[in-house]
Amino acid sequence: MGHGRNRRSVSVRPVGLQHALRIEADARLIARDRSIIGEQRLAAAVVASDNRAGPIIEAFSTASDEVVGKLAEWSQANLTAR
C-alpha cells in the first residue's frame, strides 16, 4: 500500500450456479502530523443465495457491512493502542 494510492475492488465470480462476491479495501490511519498509524487490507466474501440481481445486491450489501465493521474494529484497536 503505497502513499497516495487507494485500492478498492469488488469482484463477482460464478461458484457453481451461484455467484460469490468479494470486496477488498486498503485502509490507512493517518495522524494529524501526517504520520501513518497503521495500514490494513480488509476483505469480505459472500455467496449470493441465487443468480439474480436481488440476491447479488443483497450479498454486496452484506459484504460491504462486514468490511465496514472490520474497518471500525481495526480503527478502534489501533487508536486505543496509541
N, C-alpha and C. Protein backbone atom coordinates (compact mmCIF):
# COMPACT_ATOMS: atom_id res chain seq x y z
N MET A 1 0.84 -1.17 0.00
CA MET A 1 0.00 0.00 0.00
C MET A 1 0.89 1.23 0.00
N GLY A 2 1.13 1.80 -1.14
CA GLY A 2 1.97 2.98 -1.23
C GLY A 2 1.22 4.23 -0.87
N HIS A 3 1.97 5.26 -0.54
CA HIS A 3 1.36 6.56 -0.23
C HIS A 3 0.62 7.08 -1.44
N GLY A 4 -0.52 7.69 -1.20
CA GLY A 4 -1.27 8.32 -2.28
C GLY A 4 -2.11 7.38 -3.12
N ARG A 5 -2.04 6.10 -2.85
CA ARG A 5 -2.85 5.16 -3.64
C ARG A 5 -3.92 4.57 -2.75
N ASN A 6 -5.12 4.56 -3.25
CA ASN A 6 -6.23 3.90 -2.56
C ASN A 6 -6.64 2.72 -3.41
N ARG A 7 -6.78 1.57 -2.80
CA ARG A 7 -7.15 0.38 -3.55
C ARG A 7 -8.47 -0.16 -3.01
N ARG A 8 -9.39 -0.30 -3.90
CA ARG A 8 -10.68 -0.92 -3.57
C ARG A 8 -11.00 -1.85 -4.73
N SER A 9 -11.58 -2.95 -4.42
CA SER A 9 -12.01 -3.82 -5.52
C SER A 9 -13.24 -4.60 -5.11
N VAL A 10 -14.05 -4.84 -6.10
CA VAL A 10 -15.24 -5.66 -5.92
C VAL A 10 -15.24 -6.66 -7.06
N SER A 11 -15.42 -7.91 -6.75
CA SER A 11 -15.50 -8.91 -7.82
C SER A 11 -16.68 -9.83 -7.57
N VAL A 12 -17.32 -10.23 -8.65
CA VAL A 12 -18.42 -11.19 -8.60
C VAL A 12 -18.03 -12.33 -9.53
N ARG A 13 -17.93 -13.52 -8.98
CA ARG A 13 -17.50 -14.67 -9.78
C ARG A 13 -18.46 -15.84 -9.59
N PRO A 14 -18.69 -16.59 -10.66
CA PRO A 14 -19.54 -17.77 -10.53
C PRO A 14 -18.90 -18.83 -9.63
N VAL A 15 -19.69 -19.41 -8.76
CA VAL A 15 -19.28 -20.55 -7.94
C VAL A 15 -20.38 -21.58 -8.13
N GLY A 16 -20.16 -22.49 -9.06
CA GLY A 16 -21.24 -23.40 -9.42
C GLY A 16 -22.35 -22.61 -10.08
N LEU A 17 -23.55 -22.72 -9.54
CA LEU A 17 -24.69 -21.99 -10.08
C LEU A 17 -24.91 -20.66 -9.36
N GLN A 18 -24.09 -20.37 -8.37
CA GLN A 18 -24.24 -19.13 -7.61
C GLN A 18 -23.06 -18.20 -7.89
N HIS A 19 -23.16 -17.00 -7.37
CA HIS A 19 -22.09 -16.01 -7.55
C HIS A 19 -21.52 -15.62 -6.19
N ALA A 20 -20.20 -15.63 -6.11
CA ALA A 20 -19.51 -15.19 -4.90
C ALA A 20 -19.07 -13.75 -5.11
N LEU A 21 -19.35 -12.93 -4.15
CA LEU A 21 -18.99 -11.53 -4.22
C LEU A 21 -17.90 -11.27 -3.19
N ARG A 22 -16.81 -10.63 -3.60
CA ARG A 22 -15.70 -10.32 -2.70
C ARG A 22 -15.41 -8.83 -2.77
N ILE A 23 -15.29 -8.22 -1.62
CA ILE A 23 -14.94 -6.81 -1.53
C ILE A 23 -13.62 -6.71 -0.78
N GLU A 24 -12.69 -5.92 -1.32
CA GLU A 24 -11.42 -5.65 -0.66
C GLU A 24 -11.23 -4.15 -0.57
N ALA A 25 -10.66 -3.71 0.54
CA ALA A 25 -10.35 -2.29 0.70
C ALA A 25 -9.05 -2.17 1.48
N ASP A 26 -8.18 -1.28 1.05
CA ASP A 26 -6.96 -0.97 1.79
C ASP A 26 -7.25 0.24 2.66
N ALA A 27 -7.01 0.10 3.95
CA ALA A 27 -7.27 1.18 4.89
C ALA A 27 -5.95 1.72 5.43
N ARG A 28 -5.93 3.01 5.70
CA ARG A 28 -4.75 3.65 6.26
C ARG A 28 -5.21 4.68 7.30
N LEU A 29 -4.68 4.57 8.50
CA LEU A 29 -4.95 5.57 9.54
C LEU A 29 -3.80 6.56 9.53
N ILE A 30 -4.13 7.83 9.43
CA ILE A 30 -3.11 8.88 9.36
C ILE A 30 -3.31 9.84 10.52
N ALA A 31 -2.23 10.11 11.26
CA ALA A 31 -2.28 11.03 12.40
C ALA A 31 -2.32 12.47 11.91
N ARG A 32 -2.60 13.37 12.83
CA ARG A 32 -2.66 14.80 12.48
C ARG A 32 -1.34 15.30 11.90
N ASP A 33 -0.23 14.72 12.36
CA ASP A 33 1.08 15.15 11.83
C ASP A 33 1.42 14.46 10.50
N ARG A 34 0.44 13.76 9.94
CA ARG A 34 0.53 13.06 8.65
C ARG A 34 1.34 11.76 8.71
N SER A 35 1.74 11.34 9.91
CA SER A 35 2.42 10.05 10.03
C SER A 35 1.37 8.94 9.93
N ILE A 36 1.80 7.80 9.43
CA ILE A 36 0.88 6.68 9.27
C ILE A 36 0.85 5.87 10.57
N ILE A 37 -0.35 5.76 11.12
CA ILE A 37 -0.55 4.99 12.35
C ILE A 37 -0.61 3.50 12.02
N GLY A 38 -1.25 3.15 10.92
CA GLY A 38 -1.37 1.75 10.54
C GLY A 38 -1.98 1.60 9.16
N GLU A 39 -1.74 0.44 8.57
CA GLU A 39 -2.31 0.09 7.26
C GLU A 39 -2.82 -1.34 7.35
N GLN A 40 -3.91 -1.60 6.65
CA GLN A 40 -4.50 -2.94 6.70
C GLN A 40 -5.36 -3.17 5.46
N ARG A 41 -5.30 -4.36 4.91
CA ARG A 41 -6.22 -4.76 3.85
C ARG A 41 -7.39 -5.48 4.51
N LEU A 42 -8.59 -5.03 4.20
CA LEU A 42 -9.81 -5.59 4.75
C LEU A 42 -10.58 -6.26 3.62
N ALA A 43 -11.16 -7.41 3.89
CA ALA A 43 -11.89 -8.13 2.84
C ALA A 43 -13.06 -8.90 3.43
N ALA A 44 -14.03 -9.12 2.58
CA ALA A 44 -15.18 -9.95 2.95
C ALA A 44 -15.67 -10.65 1.69
N ALA A 45 -16.11 -11.88 1.84
CA ALA A 45 -16.65 -12.65 0.71
C ALA A 45 -17.99 -13.25 1.12
N VAL A 46 -18.95 -13.14 0.23
CA VAL A 46 -20.30 -13.65 0.48
C VAL A 46 -20.79 -14.34 -0.79
N VAL A 47 -21.44 -15.48 -0.65
CA VAL A 47 -22.03 -16.17 -1.80
C VAL A 47 -23.50 -15.75 -1.88
N ALA A 48 -23.91 -15.28 -3.04
CA ALA A 48 -25.30 -14.88 -3.26
C ALA A 48 -26.19 -16.12 -3.19
N SER A 49 -27.38 -15.94 -2.65
CA SER A 49 -28.30 -17.07 -2.49
C SER A 49 -28.90 -17.52 -3.82
N ASP A 50 -28.82 -16.68 -4.85
CA ASP A 50 -29.36 -17.02 -6.16
C ASP A 50 -28.63 -16.19 -7.21
N ASN A 51 -28.71 -16.63 -8.45
CA ASN A 51 -28.03 -15.96 -9.56
C ASN A 51 -28.95 -14.91 -10.19
N ARG A 52 -29.48 -14.03 -9.35
CA ARG A 52 -30.33 -12.94 -9.83
C ARG A 52 -29.84 -11.65 -9.19
N ALA A 53 -30.26 -10.53 -9.78
CA ALA A 53 -29.79 -9.23 -9.31
C ALA A 53 -30.08 -9.00 -7.83
N GLY A 54 -31.29 -9.30 -7.38
CA GLY A 54 -31.66 -9.05 -5.99
C GLY A 54 -30.73 -9.73 -4.99
N PRO A 55 -30.54 -11.06 -5.10
CA PRO A 55 -29.64 -11.74 -4.18
C PRO A 55 -28.17 -11.30 -4.31
N ILE A 56 -27.75 -10.94 -5.51
CA ILE A 56 -26.37 -10.46 -5.68
C ILE A 56 -26.22 -9.10 -4.99
N ILE A 57 -27.21 -8.23 -5.12
CA ILE A 57 -27.18 -6.93 -4.43
C ILE A 57 -27.19 -7.14 -2.92
N GLU A 58 -27.99 -8.08 -2.45
CA GLU A 58 -28.03 -8.39 -1.02
C GLU A 58 -26.67 -8.88 -0.52
N ALA A 59 -26.01 -9.74 -1.32
CA ALA A 59 -24.68 -10.22 -0.96
C ALA A 59 -23.68 -9.07 -0.92
N PHE A 60 -23.80 -8.14 -1.87
CA PHE A 60 -22.93 -6.96 -1.89
C PHE A 60 -23.13 -6.15 -0.61
N SER A 61 -24.37 -5.96 -0.23
CA SER A 61 -24.68 -5.20 0.99
C SER A 61 -24.10 -5.89 2.22
N THR A 62 -24.25 -7.20 2.30
CA THR A 62 -23.73 -7.96 3.43
C THR A 62 -22.21 -7.86 3.50
N ALA A 63 -21.54 -8.03 2.35
CA ALA A 63 -20.08 -7.94 2.32
C ALA A 63 -19.62 -6.52 2.66
N SER A 64 -20.32 -5.52 2.16
CA SER A 64 -19.97 -4.12 2.47
C SER A 64 -20.08 -3.87 3.97
N ASP A 65 -21.18 -4.32 4.57
CA ASP A 65 -21.36 -4.15 6.01
C ASP A 65 -20.24 -4.84 6.79
N GLU A 66 -19.83 -6.00 6.33
CA GLU A 66 -18.76 -6.74 7.01
C GLU A 66 -17.44 -5.98 6.93
N VAL A 67 -17.11 -5.44 5.76
CA VAL A 67 -15.87 -4.68 5.60
C VAL A 67 -15.90 -3.42 6.47
N VAL A 68 -17.02 -2.72 6.48
CA VAL A 68 -17.14 -1.51 7.31
C VAL A 68 -17.01 -1.86 8.79
N GLY A 69 -17.60 -2.97 9.21
CA GLY A 69 -17.46 -3.42 10.60
C GLY A 69 -16.01 -3.73 10.95
N LYS A 70 -15.31 -4.41 10.05
CA LYS A 70 -13.89 -4.71 10.26
C LYS A 70 -13.08 -3.42 10.33
N LEU A 71 -13.42 -2.46 9.48
CA LEU A 71 -12.72 -1.17 9.49
C LEU A 71 -12.90 -0.47 10.83
N ALA A 72 -14.11 -0.46 11.34
CA ALA A 72 -14.38 0.19 12.63
C ALA A 72 -13.60 -0.49 13.75
N GLU A 73 -13.62 -1.83 13.79
CA GLU A 73 -12.89 -2.56 14.83
C GLU A 73 -11.39 -2.33 14.73
N TRP A 74 -10.85 -2.39 13.52
CA TRP A 74 -9.42 -2.20 13.31
C TRP A 74 -9.01 -0.78 13.70
N SER A 75 -9.80 0.20 13.29
CA SER A 75 -9.50 1.60 13.63
C SER A 75 -9.50 1.80 15.14
N GLN A 76 -10.53 1.30 15.80
CA GLN A 76 -10.62 1.45 17.26
C GLN A 76 -9.43 0.79 17.95
N ALA A 77 -9.06 -0.40 17.52
CA ALA A 77 -7.93 -1.12 18.13
C ALA A 77 -6.63 -0.33 17.95
N ASN A 78 -6.42 0.23 16.77
CA ASN A 78 -5.19 0.98 16.51
C ASN A 78 -5.16 2.30 17.27
N LEU A 79 -6.29 2.96 17.38
CA LEU A 79 -6.32 4.23 18.09
C LEU A 79 -6.22 4.02 19.60
N THR A 80 -6.79 2.93 20.10
CA THR A 80 -6.71 2.63 21.53
C THR A 80 -5.29 2.25 21.92
N ALA A 81 -4.56 1.60 21.03
CA ALA A 81 -3.20 1.14 21.30
C ALA A 81 -2.20 2.30 21.36
N ARG A 82 -2.58 3.45 20.86
CA ARG A 82 -1.65 4.61 20.83
C ARG A 82 -1.52 5.24 22.17
